[in-house]
Amino acid sequence: YIQHSAHIVPGRDGLFNLVKSLPAELKHEWELIMAERDMVM
């Protein structure tokens, strides 16, 4: 996994470790999802 975010350590482990470090109350809700070819927003 390639991570371009300025506040997340590279790779899948970087993302997973960030989420693990956040409170158990963390939630994500989506309002809009768009896709074109291999890209999703």
PDB file of all heavy atoms in Angstrom:
ATOM      1  N   TYR A   1       0.827  -1.209   0.000  1.00  0.00           N
ATOM      2  CA  TYR A   1       0.000   0.000   0.000  1.00  0.00           C
ATOM      3  C   TYR A   1       0.864   1.263   0.000  1.00  0.00           C
ATOM      4  O   TYR A   1       1.792   1.379   0.814  1.00  0.00           O
ATOM      5  CB  TYR A   1      -0.875  -0.064   1.248  1.00  0.00           C
ATOM      6  CG  TYR A   1      -1.858   1.048   1.472  1.00  0.00           C
ATOM      7  CD1 TYR A   1      -2.935   1.245   0.625  1.00  0.00           C
ATOM      8  CD2 TYR A   1      -1.740   1.873   2.581  1.00  0.00           C
ATOM      9  CE1 TYR A   1      -3.865   2.232   0.866  1.00  0.00           C
ATOM     10  CE2 TYR A   1      -2.665   2.865   2.845  1.00  0.00           C
ATOM     11  CZ  TYR A   1      -3.726   3.039   1.974  1.00  0.00           C
ATOM     12  OH  TYR A   1      -4.645   4.021   2.227  1.00  0.00           O
ATOM     13  N   ILE A   2       0.556   2.177  -0.889  1.00  0.00           N
ATOM     14  CA  ILE A   2       1.294   3.440  -0.998  1.00  0.00           C
ATOM     15  C   ILE A   2       0.466   4.537  -0.346  1.00  0.00           C
ATOM     16  O   ILE A   2      -0.678   4.778  -0.729  1.00  0.00           O
ATOM     17  CB  ILE A   2       1.575   3.785  -2.476  1.00  0.00           C
ATOM     18  CG1 ILE A   2       2.403   2.669  -3.119  1.00  0.00           C
ATOM     19  CG2 ILE A   2       2.300   5.134  -2.578  1.00  0.00           C
ATOM     20  CD1 ILE A   2       2.465   2.766  -4.631  1.00  0.00           C
ATOM     21  N   GLN A   3       1.047   5.216   0.625  1.00  0.00           N
ATOM     22  CA  GLN A   3       0.356   6.231   1.427  1.00  0.00           C
ATOM     23  C   GLN A   3       0.915   7.619   1.098  1.00  0.00           C
ATOM     24  O   GLN A   3       2.081   7.874   1.358  1.00  0.00           O
ATOM     25  CB  GLN A   3       0.563   5.903   2.913  1.00  0.00           C
ATOM     26  CG  GLN A   3      -0.085   6.839   3.872  1.00  0.00           C
ATOM     27  CD  GLN A   3      -1.583   6.812   3.769  1.00  0.00           C
ATOM     28  OE1 GLN A   3      -2.166   7.647   3.095  1.00  0.00           O
ATOM     29  NE2 GLN A   3      -2.207   5.864   4.408  1.00  0.00           N
ATOM     30  N   HIS A   4       0.078   8.486   0.535  1.00  0.00           N
ATOM     31  CA  HIS A   4       0.506   9.849   0.206  1.00  0.00           C
ATOM     32  C   HIS A   4       0.104  10.860   1.282  1.00  0.00           C
ATOM     33  O   HIS A   4       0.421  12.035   1.161  1.00  0.00           O
ATOM     34  CB  HIS A   4      -0.089  10.291  -1.138  1.00  0.00           C
ATOM     35  CG  HIS A   4       0.437   9.520  -2.302  1.00  0.00           C
ATOM     36  ND1 HIS A   4       1.585   9.868  -2.970  1.00  0.00           N
ATOM     37  CD2 HIS A   4      -0.040   8.401  -2.917  1.00  0.00           C
ATOM     38  CE1 HIS A   4       1.798   9.022  -3.953  1.00  0.00           C
ATOM     39  NE2 HIS A   4       0.833   8.109  -3.944  1.00  0.00           N
ATOM     40  N   SER A   5      -0.606  10.441   2.313  1.00  0.00           N
ATOM     41  CA  SER A   5      -1.056  11.347   3.359  1.00  0.00           C
ATOM     42  C   SER A   5       0.128  11.894   4.145  1.00  0.00           C
ATOM     43  O   SER A   5       1.037  11.146   4.525  1.00  0.00           O
ATOM     44  CB  SER A   5      -2.007  10.620   4.309  1.00  0.00           C
ATOM     45  OG  SER A   5      -2.406  11.477   5.343  1.00  0.00           O
ATOM     46  N   ALA A   6       0.092  13.185   4.426  1.00  0.00           N
ATOM     47  CA  ALA A   6       1.186  13.841   5.150  1.00  0.00           C
ATOM     48  C   ALA A   6       1.234  13.457   6.629  1.00  0.00           C
ATOM     49  O   ALA A   6       2.246  13.672   7.285  1.00  0.00           O
ATOM     50  CB  ALA A   6       1.048  15.356   5.022  1.00  0.00           C
ATOM     51  N   HIS A   7       0.169  12.884   7.166  1.00  0.00           N
ATOM     52  CA  HIS A   7       0.134  12.598   8.603  1.00  0.00           C
ATOM     53  C   HIS A   7       0.051  11.110   8.934  1.00  0.00           C
ATOM     54  O   HIS A   7      -0.254  10.737  10.051  1.00  0.00           O
ATOM     55  CB  HIS A   7      -1.032  13.360   9.248  1.00  0.00           C
ATOM     56  CG  HIS A   7      -2.365  12.964   8.708  1.00  0.00           C
ATOM     57  ND1 HIS A   7      -2.872  13.493   7.559  1.00  0.00           N
ATOM     58  CD2 HIS A   7      -3.270  12.064   9.133  1.00  0.00           C
ATOM     59  CE1 HIS A   7      -4.044  12.952   7.299  1.00  0.00           C
ATOM     60  NE2 HIS A   7      -4.300  12.070   8.241  1.00  0.00           N
ATOM     61  N   ILE A   8       0.338  10.237   7.946  1.00  0.00           N
ATOM     62  CA  ILE A   8       0.293   8.794   8.186  1.00  0.00           C
ATOM     63  C   ILE A   8       1.608   8.189   7.714  1.00  0.00           C
ATOM     64  O   ILE A   8       2.054   8.448   6.599  1.00  0.00           O
ATOM     65  CB  ILE A   8      -0.892   8.130   7.447  1.00  0.00           C
ATOM     66  CG1 ILE A   8      -2.228   8.764   7.873  1.00  0.00           C
ATOM     67  CG2 ILE A   8      -0.917   6.622   7.730  1.00  0.00           C
ATOM     68  CD1 ILE A   8      -3.429   8.269   7.086  1.00  0.00           C
ATOM     69  N   VAL A   9       2.200   7.373   8.545  1.00  0.00           N
ATOM     70  CA  VAL A   9       3.440   6.682   8.204  1.00  0.00           C
ATOM     71  C   VAL A   9       3.171   5.793   6.983  1.00  0.00           C
ATOM     72  O   VAL A   9       2.082   5.236   6.845  1.00  0.00           O
ATOM     73  CB  VAL A   9       3.918   5.843   9.419  1.00  0.00           C
ATOM     74  CG1 VAL A   9       5.115   4.998   9.081  1.00  0.00           C
ATOM     75  CG2 VAL A   9       4.214   6.764  10.589  1.00  0.00           C
ATOM     76  N   PRO A  10       4.151   5.624   6.110  1.00  0.00           N
ATOM     77  CA  PRO A  10       3.934   4.842   4.886  1.00  0.00           C
ATOM     78  C   PRO A  10       3.464   3.408   5.136  1.00  0.00           C
ATOM     79  O   PRO A  10       3.758   2.809   6.169  1.00  0.00           O
ATOM     80  CB  PRO A  10       5.312   4.828   4.220  1.00  0.00           C
ATOM     81  CG  PRO A  10       6.010   6.023   4.752  1.00  0.00           C
ATOM     82  CD  PRO A  10       5.496   6.195   6.148  1.00  0.00           C
ATOM     83  N   GLY A  11       2.774   2.888   4.128  1.00  0.00           N
ATOM     84  CA  GLY A  11       2.395   1.487   4.094  1.00  0.00           C
ATOM     85  C   GLY A  11       1.135   1.140   4.852  1.00  0.00           C
ATOM     86  O   GLY A  11       0.578   1.940   5.597  1.00  0.00           O
ATOM     87  N   ARG A  12       0.688  -0.101   4.628  1.00  0.00           N
ATOM     88  CA  ARG A  12      -0.506  -0.607   5.304  1.00  0.00           C
ATOM     89  C   ARG A  12      -0.311  -0.602   6.814  1.00  0.00           C
ATOM     90  O   ARG A  12      -1.214  -0.213   7.563  1.00  0.00           O
ATOM     91  CB  ARG A  12      -0.814  -2.012   4.797  1.00  0.00           C
ATOM     92  CG  ARG A  12      -2.033  -2.640   5.445  1.00  0.00           C
ATOM     93  CD  ARG A  12      -2.380  -3.965   4.832  1.00  0.00           C
ATOM     94  NE  ARG A  12      -1.449  -5.006   5.235  1.00  0.00           N
ATOM     95  CZ  ARG A  12      -1.476  -6.242   4.762  1.00  0.00           C
ATOM     96  NH1 ARG A  12      -2.359  -6.602   3.854  1.00  0.00           N
ATOM     97  NH2 ARG A  12      -0.599  -7.126   5.187  1.00  0.00           N
ATOM     98  N   ASP A  13       0.872  -0.998   7.284  1.00  0.00           N
ATOM     99  CA  ASP A  13       1.126  -1.015   8.729  1.00  0.00           C
ATOM    100  C   ASP A  13       1.058   0.392   9.313  1.00  0.00           C
ATOM    101  O   ASP A  13       0.591   0.574  10.441  1.00  0.00           O
ATOM    102  CB  ASP A  13       2.482  -1.639   9.042  1.00  0.00           C
ATOM    103  CG  ASP A  13       2.493  -3.149   8.828  1.00  0.00           C
ATOM    104  OD1 ASP A  13       1.406  -3.754   8.760  1.00  0.00           O
ATOM    105  OD2 ASP A  13       3.599  -3.715   8.730  1.00  0.00           O
ATOM    106  N   GLY A  14       1.510   1.381   8.569  1.00  0.00           N
ATOM    107  CA  GLY A  14       1.422   2.761   9.040  1.00  0.00           C
ATOM    108  C   GLY A  14      -0.013   3.174   9.285  1.00  0.00           C
ATOM    109  O   GLY A  14      -0.345   3.772  10.311  1.00  0.00           O
ATOM    110  N   LEU A  15      -0.900   2.836   8.341  1.00  0.00           N
ATOM    111  CA  LEU A  15      -2.323   3.154   8.498  1.00  0.00           C
ATOM    112  C   LEU A  15      -2.931   2.381   9.658  1.00  0.00           C
ATOM    113  O   LEU A  15      -3.605   2.952  10.522  1.00  0.00           O
ATOM    114  CB  LEU A  15      -3.077   2.847   7.202  1.00  0.00           C
ATOM    115  CG  LEU A  15      -4.592   2.990   7.271  1.00  0.00           C
ATOM    116  CD1 LEU A  15      -4.998   4.428   7.587  1.00  0.00           C
ATOM    117  CD2 LEU A  15      -5.231   2.503   5.981  1.00  0.00           C
ATOM    118  N   PHE A  16      -2.695   1.081   9.693  1.00  0.00           N
ATOM    119  CA  PHE A  16      -3.288   0.254  10.747  1.00  0.00           C
ATOM    120  C   PHE A  16      -2.799   0.696  12.122  1.00  0.00           C
ATOM    121  O   PHE A  16      -3.584   0.755  13.074  1.00  0.00           O
ATOM    122  CB  PHE A  16      -2.971  -1.225  10.512  1.00  0.00           C
ATOM    123  CG  PHE A  16      -3.768  -1.865   9.402  1.00  0.00           C
ATOM    124  CD1 PHE A  16      -4.401  -1.122   8.417  1.00  0.00           C
ATOM    125  CD2 PHE A  16      -3.876  -3.232   9.324  1.00  0.00           C
ATOM    126  CE1 PHE A  16      -5.119  -1.716   7.400  1.00  0.00           C
ATOM    127  CE2 PHE A  16      -4.594  -3.850   8.314  1.00  0.00           C
ATOM    128  CZ  PHE A  16      -5.220  -3.095   7.349  1.00  0.00           C
ATOM    129  N   ASN A  17      -1.511   1.011  12.248  1.00  0.00           N
ATOM    130  CA  ASN A  17      -0.973   1.450  13.538  1.00  0.00           C
ATOM    131  C   ASN A  17      -1.559   2.796  13.964  1.00  0.00           C
ATOM    132  O   ASN A  17      -1.796   3.021  15.158  1.00  0.00           O
ATOM    133  CB  ASN A  17       0.551   1.505  13.502  1.00  0.00           C
ATOM    134  CG  ASN A  17       1.156   0.114  13.491  1.00  0.00           C
ATOM    135  OD1 ASN A  17       0.560  -0.847  13.968  1.00  0.00           O
ATOM    136  ND2 ASN A  17       2.341   0.003  12.936  1.00  0.00           N
ATOM    137  N   LEU A  18      -1.811   3.686  12.993  1.00  0.00           N
ATOM    138  CA  LEU A  18      -2.470   4.945  13.331  1.00  0.00           C
ATOM    139  C   LEU A  18      -3.854   4.679  13.903  1.00  0.00           C
ATOM    140  O   LEU A  18      -4.223   5.210  14.944  1.00  0.00           O
ATOM    141  CB  LEU A  18      -2.577   5.860  12.099  1.00  0.00           C
ATOM    142  CG  LEU A  18      -3.455   7.092  12.316  1.00  0.00           C
ATOM    143  CD1 LEU A  18      -2.799   8.072  13.284  1.00  0.00           C
ATOM    144  CD2 LEU A  18      -3.775   7.761  11.000  1.00  0.00           C
ATOM    145  N   VAL A  19      -4.630   3.846  13.235  1.00  0.00           N
ATOM    146  CA  VAL A  19      -5.987   3.545  13.702  1.00  0.00           C
ATOM    147  C   VAL A  19      -5.933   2.883  15.079  1.00  0.00           C
ATOM    148  O   VAL A  19      -6.720   3.217  15.965  1.00  0.00           O
ATOM    149  CB  VAL A  19      -6.753   2.685  12.675  1.00  0.00           C
ATOM    150  CG1 VAL A  19      -8.124   2.291  13.204  1.00  0.00           C
ATOM    151  CG2 VAL A  19      -6.898   3.437  11.352  1.00  0.00           C
ATOM    152  N   LYS A  20      -4.987   1.973  15.285  1.00  0.00           N
ATOM    153  CA  LYS A  20      -4.841   1.312  16.592  1.00  0.00           C
ATOM    154  C   LYS A  20      -4.535   2.311  17.701  1.00  0.00           C
ATOM    155  O   LYS A  20      -4.920   2.109  18.853  1.00  0.00           O
ATOM    156  CB  LYS A  20      -3.728   0.259  16.544  1.00  0.00           C
ATOM    157  CG  LYS A  20      -4.084  -0.970  15.757  1.00  0.00           C
ATOM    158  CD  LYS A  20      -2.892  -1.914  15.646  1.00  0.00           C
ATOM    159  CE  LYS A  20      -3.232  -3.096  14.754  1.00  0.00           C
ATOM    160  NZ  LYS A  20      -2.056  -3.982  14.560  1.00  0.00           N
ATOM    161  N   SER A  21      -3.850   3.409  17.367  1.00  0.00           N
ATOM    162  CA  SER A  21      -3.471   4.406  18.370  1.00  0.00           C
ATOM    163  C   SER A  21      -4.610   5.355  18.729  1.00  0.00           C
ATOM    164  O   SER A  21      -4.518   6.084  19.714  1.00  0.00           O
ATOM    165  CB  SER A  21      -2.273   5.221  17.870  1.00  0.00           C
ATOM    166  OG  SER A  21      -2.673   6.173  16.888  1.00  0.00           O
ATOM    167  N   LEU A  22      -5.674   5.345  17.949  1.00  0.00           N
ATOM    168  CA  LEU A  22      -6.795   6.259  18.183  1.00  0.00           C
ATOM    169  C   LEU A  22      -7.810   5.637  19.139  1.00  0.00           C
ATOM    170  O   LEU A  22      -7.881   4.410  19.265  1.00  0.00           O
ATOM    171  CB  LEU A  22      -7.454   6.617  16.849  1.00  0.00           C
ATOM    172  CG  LEU A  22      -6.554   7.399  15.885  1.00  0.00           C
ATOM    173  CD1 LEU A  22      -7.197   7.513  14.505  1.00  0.00           C
ATOM    174  CD2 LEU A  22      -6.228   8.772  16.441  1.00  0.00           C
ATOM    175  N   PRO A  23      -8.613   6.470  19.804  1.00  0.00           N
ATOM    176  CA  PRO A  23      -9.601   5.945  20.754  1.00  0.00           C
ATOM    177  C   PRO A  23     -10.575   4.958  20.108  1.00  0.00           C
ATOM    178  O   PRO A  23     -10.858   5.037  18.911  1.00  0.00           O
ATOM    179  CB  PRO A  23     -10.347   7.202  21.224  1.00  0.00           C
ATOM    180  CG  PRO A  23      -9.412   8.340  20.956  1.00  0.00           C
ATOM    181  CD  PRO A  23      -8.635   7.940  19.747  1.00  0.00           C
ATOM    182  N   ALA A  24     -11.084   4.049  20.918  1.00  0.00           N
ATOM    183  CA  ALA A  24     -12.044   3.041  20.449  1.00  0.00           C
ATOM    184  C   ALA A  24     -13.320   3.687  19.893  1.00  0.00           C
ATOM    185  O   ALA A  24     -14.041   3.058  19.128  1.00  0.00           O
ATOM    186  CB  ALA A  24     -12.386   2.083  21.583  1.00  0.00           C
ATOM    187  N   GLU A  25     -13.572   4.932  20.263  1.00  0.00           N
ATOM    188  CA  GLU A  25     -14.776   5.632  19.810  1.00  0.00           C
ATOM    189  C   GLU A  25     -14.666   6.141  18.371  1.00  0.00           C
ATOM    190  O   GLU A  25     -15.636   6.672  17.821  1.00  0.00           O
ATOM    191  CB  GLU A  25     -15.080   6.822  20.731  1.00  0.00           C
ATOM    192  CG  GLU A  25     -15.417   6.447  22.159  1.00  0.00           C
ATOM    193  CD  GLU A  25     -14.197   6.074  22.998  1.00  0.00           C
ATOM    194  OE1 GLU A  25     -13.080   6.509  22.688  1.00  0.00           O
ATOM    195  OE2 GLU A  25     -14.374   5.310  23.967  1.00  0.00           O
ATOM    196  N   LEU A  26     -13.502   5.999  17.755  1.00  0.00           N
ATOM    197  CA  LEU A  26     -13.320   6.465  16.380  1.00  0.00           C
ATOM    198  C   LEU A  26     -14.391   5.871  15.475  1.00  0.00           C
ATOM    199  O   LEU A  26     -14.644   4.671  15.502  1.00  0.00           O
ATOM    200  CB  LEU A  26     -11.942   6.054  15.850  1.00  0.00           C
ATOM    201  CG  LEU A  26     -11.696   6.394  14.376  1.00  0.00           C
ATOM    202  CD1 LEU A  26     -11.484   7.886  14.209  1.00  0.00           C
ATOM    203  CD2 LEU A  26     -10.522   5.611  13.843  1.00  0.00           C
ATOM    204  N   LYS A  27     -15.008   6.720  14.662  1.00  0.00           N
ATOM    205  CA  LYS A  27     -16.007   6.272  13.689  1.00  0.00           C
ATOM    206  C   LYS A  27     -15.822   7.035  12.391  1.00  0.00           C
ATOM    207  O   LYS A  27     -15.458   8.215  12.394  1.00  0.00           O
ATOM    208  CB  LYS A  27     -17.439   6.509  14.193  1.00  0.00           C
ATOM    209  CG  LYS A  27     -17.817   5.680  15.391  1.00  0.00           C
ATOM    210  CD  LYS A  27     -17.890   4.206  15.049  1.00  0.00           C
ATOM    211  CE  LYS A  27     -18.188   3.374  16.281  1.00  0.00           C
ATOM    212  NZ  LYS A  27     -17.467   2.140  16.356  1.00  0.00           N
ATOM    213  N   HIS A  28     -16.084   6.354  11.290  1.00  0.00           N
ATOM    214  CA  HIS A  28     -16.102   6.987   9.973  1.00  0.00           C
ATOM    215  C   HIS A  28     -17.497   6.834   9.404  1.00  0.00           C
ATOM    216  O   HIS A  28     -18.095   5.764   9.457  1.00  0.00           O
ATOM    217  CB  HIS A  28     -15.097   6.335   9.023  1.00  0.00           C
ATOM    218  CG  HIS A  28     -15.143   6.922   7.650  1.00  0.00           C
ATOM    219  ND1 HIS A  28     -15.923   6.391   6.645  1.00  0.00           N
ATOM    220  CD2 HIS A  28     -14.539   8.008   7.132  1.00  0.00           C
ATOM    221  CE1 HIS A  28     -15.782   7.126   5.552  1.00  0.00           C
ATOM    222  NE2 HIS A  28     -14.949   8.111   5.829  1.00  0.00           N
ATOM    223  N   GLU A  29     -18.026   7.919   8.877  1.00  0.00           N
ATOM    224  CA  GLU A  29     -19.292   7.861   8.147  1.00  0.00           C
ATOM    225  C   GLU A  29     -19.049   8.517   6.794  1.00  0.00           C
ATOM    226  O   GLU A  29     -18.294   9.476   6.696  1.00  0.00           O
ATOM    227  CB  GLU A  29     -20.410   8.561   8.915  1.00  0.00           C
ATOM    228  CG  GLU A  29     -20.122  10.022   9.236  1.00  0.00           C
ATOM    229  CD  GLU A  29     -21.164  10.685  10.113  1.00  0.00           C
ATOM    230  OE1 GLU A  29     -22.354  10.710   9.730  1.00  0.00           O
ATOM    231  OE2 GLU A  29     -20.779  11.169  11.181  1.00  0.00           O
ATOM    232  N   TRP A  30     -19.637   7.960   5.764  1.00  0.00           N
ATOM    233  CA  TRP A  30     -19.451   8.533   4.438  1.00  0.00           C
ATOM    234  C   TRP A  30     -20.737   9.201   3.975  1.00  0.00           C
ATOM    235  O   TRP A  30     -21.831   8.769   4.309  1.00  0.00           O
ATOM    236  CB  TRP A  30     -18.977   7.483   3.438  1.00  0.00           C
ATOM    237  CG  TRP A  30     -19.923   6.343   3.238  1.00  0.00           C
ATOM    238  CD1 TRP A  30     -19.963   5.184   3.958  1.00  0.00           C
ATOM    239  CD2 TRP A  30     -20.971   6.256   2.284  1.00  0.00           C
ATOM    240  NE1 TRP A  30     -20.969   4.381   3.508  1.00  0.00           N
ATOM    241  CE2 TRP A  30     -21.609   5.018   2.473  1.00  0.00           C
ATOM    242  CE3 TRP A  30     -21.434   7.101   1.293  1.00  0.00           C
ATOM    243  CZ2 TRP A  30     -22.689   4.603   1.689  1.00  0.00           C
ATOM    244  CZ3 TRP A  30     -22.511   6.697   0.513  1.00  0.00           C
ATOM    245  CH2 TRP A  30     -23.118   5.454   0.718  1.00  0.00           C
ATOM    246  N   GLU A  31     -20.559  10.273   3.234  1.00  0.00           N
ATOM    247  CA  GLU A  31     -21.688  11.021   2.706  1.00  0.00           C
ATOM    248  C   GLU A  31     -21.784  10.863   1.190  1.00  0.00           C
ATOM    249  O   GLU A  31     -22.864  10.880   0.627  1.00  0.00           O
ATOM    250  CB  GLU A  31     -21.533  12.499   3.065  1.00  0.00           C
ATOM    251  CG  GLU A  31     -22.694  13.359   2.630  1.00  0.00           C
ATOM    252  CD  GLU A  31     -22.537  14.795   3.070  1.00  0.00           C
ATOM    253  OE1 GLU A  31     -21.441  15.357   2.965  1.00  0.00           O
ATOM    254  OE2 GLU A  31     -23.548  15.361   3.522  1.00  0.00           O
ATOM    255  N   LEU A  32     -20.633  10.693   0.549  1.00  0.00           N
ATOM    256  CA  LEU A  32     -20.604  10.610  -0.906  1.00  0.00           C
ATOM    257  C   LEU A  32     -19.445   9.724  -1.324  1.00  0.00           C
ATOM    258  O   LEU A  32     -18.342   9.848  -0.792  1.00  0.00           O
ATOM    259  CB  LEU A  32     -20.417  12.011  -1.503  1.00  0.00           C
ATOM    260  CG  LEU A  32     -20.208  12.110  -3.004  1.00  0.00           C
ATOM    261  CD1 LEU A  32     -21.487  11.724  -3.754  1.00  0.00           C
ATOM    262  CD2 LEU A  32     -19.794  13.529  -3.384  1.00  0.00           C
ATOM    263  N   ILE A  33     -19.714   8.815  -2.246  1.00  0.00           N
ATOM    264  CA  ILE A  33     -18.659   7.991  -2.830  1.00  0.00           C
ATOM    265  C   ILE A  33     -18.820   8.061  -4.341  1.00  0.00           C
ATOM    266  O   ILE A  33     -19.901   7.824  -4.871  1.00  0.00           O
ATOM    267  CB  ILE A  33     -18.725   6.528  -2.347  1.00  0.00           C
ATOM    268  CG1 ILE A  33     -18.563   6.454  -0.836  1.00  0.00           C
ATOM    269  CG2 ILE A  33     -17.664   5.693  -3.052  1.00  0.00           C
ATOM    270  CD1 ILE A  33     -18.600   5.055  -0.271  1.00  0.00           C
ATOM    271  N   MET A  34     -17.712   8.404  -5.012  1.00  0.00           N
ATOM    272  CA  MET A  34     -17.704   8.494  -6.468  1.00  0.00           C
ATOM    273  C   MET A  34     -16.567   7.635  -6.990  1.00  0.00           C
ATOM    274  O   MET A  34     -15.546   7.488  -6.319  1.00  0.00           O
ATOM    275  CB  MET A  34     -17.514   9.944  -6.912  1.00  0.00           C
ATOM    276  CG  MET A  34     -18.603  10.879  -6.426  1.00  0.00           C
ATOM    277  SD  MET A  34     -18.235  12.621  -6.704  1.00  0.00           S
ATOM    278  CE  MET A  34     -18.174  12.697  -8.472  1.00  0.00           C
ATOM    279  N   ALA A  35     -16.739   7.093  -8.191  1.00  0.00           N
ATOM    280  CA  ALA A  35     -15.692   6.264  -8.770  1.00  0.00           C
ATOM    281  C   ALA A  35     -15.588   6.498 -10.266  1.00  0.00           C
ATOM    282  O   ALA A  35     -16.587   6.767 -10.941  1.00  0.00           O
ATOM    283  CB  ALA A  35     -15.978   4.792  -8.498  1.00  0.00           C
ATOM    284  N   GLU A  36     -14.361   6.402 -10.735  1.00  0.00           N
ATOM    285  CA  GLU A  36     -14.079   6.421 -12.161  1.00  0.00           C
ATOM    286  C   GLU A  36     -12.903   5.495 -12.399  1.00  0.00           C
ATOM    287  O   GLU A  36     -11.840   5.650 -11.772  1.00  0.00           O
ATOM    288  CB  GLU A  36     -13.764   7.832 -12.636  1.00  0.00           C
ATOM    289  CG  GLU A  36     -13.588   7.898 -14.138  1.00  0.00           C
ATOM    290  CD  GLU A  36     -13.470   9.320 -14.665  1.00  0.00           C
ATOM    291  OE1 GLU A  36     -14.041  10.242 -14.045  1.00  0.00           O
ATOM    292  OE2 GLU A  36     -12.790   9.493 -15.674  1.00  0.00           O
ATOM    293  N   ARG A  37     -13.115   4.515 -13.255  1.00  0.00           N
ATOM    294  CA  ARG A  37     -12.107   3.487 -13.536  1.00  0.00           C
ATOM    295  C   ARG A  37     -11.574   2.899 -12.224  1.00  0.00           C
ATOM    296  O   ARG A  37     -12.335   2.356 -11.453  1.00  0.00           O
ATOM    297  CB  ARG A  37     -11.019   4.038 -14.443  1.00  0.00           C
ATOM    298  CG  ARG A  37     -11.547   4.386 -15.839  1.00  0.00           C
ATOM    299  CD  ARG A  37     -10.493   4.857 -16.799  1.00  0.00           C
ATOM    300  NE  ARG A  37      -9.659   5.955 -16.348  1.00  0.00           N
ATOM    301  CZ  ARG A  37      -9.963   7.251 -16.474  1.00  0.00           C
ATOM    302  NH1 ARG A  37     -11.091   7.609 -17.038  1.00  0.00           N
ATOM    303  NH2 ARG A  37      -9.126   8.177 -16.031  1.00  0.00           N
ATOM    304  N   ASP A  38     -10.267   3.035 -11.950  1.00  0.00           N
ATOM    305  CA  ASP A  38      -9.673   2.406 -10.769  1.00  0.00           C
ATOM    306  C   ASP A  38      -9.586   3.338  -9.563  1.00  0.00           C
ATOM    307  O   ASP A  38      -8.987   2.994  -8.557  1.00  0.00           O
ATOM    308  CB  ASP A  38      -8.285   1.851 -11.099  1.00  0.00           C
ATOM    309  CG  ASP A  38      -7.272   2.936 -11.459  1.00  0.00           C
ATOM    310  OD1 ASP A  38      -7.676   4.092 -11.700  1.00  0.00           O
ATOM    311  OD2 ASP A  38      -6.071   2.620 -11.513  1.00  0.00           O
ATOM    312  N   MET A  39     -10.193   4.531  -9.652  1.00  0.00           N
ATOM    313  CA  MET A  39     -10.131   5.513  -8.563  1.00  0.00           C
ATOM    314  C   MET A  39     -11.492   5.662  -7.880  1.00  0.00           C
ATOM    315  O   MET A  39     -12.521   5.722  -8.549  1.00  0.00           O
ATOM    316  CB  MET A  39      -9.703   6.879  -9.088  1.00  0.00           C
ATOM    317  CG  MET A  39      -8.286   6.924  -9.624  1.00  0.00           C
ATOM    318  SD  MET A  39      -7.024   6.648  -8.370  1.00  0.00           S
ATOM    319  CE  MET A  39      -7.265   8.070  -7.312  1.00  0.00           C
ATOM    320  N   VAL A  40     -11.453   5.749  -6.545  1.00  0.00           N
ATOM    321  CA  VAL A  40     -12.658   5.979  -5.745  1.00  0.00           C
ATOM    322  C   VAL A  40     -12.400   7.177  -4.845  1.00  0.00           C
ATOM    323  O   VAL A  40     -11.327   7.299  -4.253  1.00  0.00           O
ATOM    324  CB  VAL A  40     -13.018   4.748  -4.885  1.00  0.00           C
ATOM    325  CG1 VAL A  40     -14.218   5.032  -3.994  1.00  0.00           C
ATOM    326  CG2 VAL A  40     -13.275   3.540  -5.774  1.00  0.00           C
ATOM    327  N   MET A  41     -13.387   8.061  -4.748  1.00  0.00           N
ATOM    328  CA  MET A  41     -13.317   9.220  -3.869  1.00  0.00           C
ATOM    329  C   MET A  41     -14.414   9.088  -2.809  1.00  0.00           C
ATOM    330  O   MET A  41     -15.571   8.831  -3.156  1.00  0.00           O
ATOM    331  CB  MET A  41     -13.532  10.514  -4.648  1.00  0.00           C
ATOM    332  CG  MET A  41     -13.451  11.748  -3.766  1.00  0.00           C
ATOM    333  SD  MET A  41     -14.069  13.230  -4.588  1.00  0.00           S
ATOM    334  CE  MET A  41     -15.837  13.001  -4.381  1.00  0.00           C
TER     335      MET A  41
END
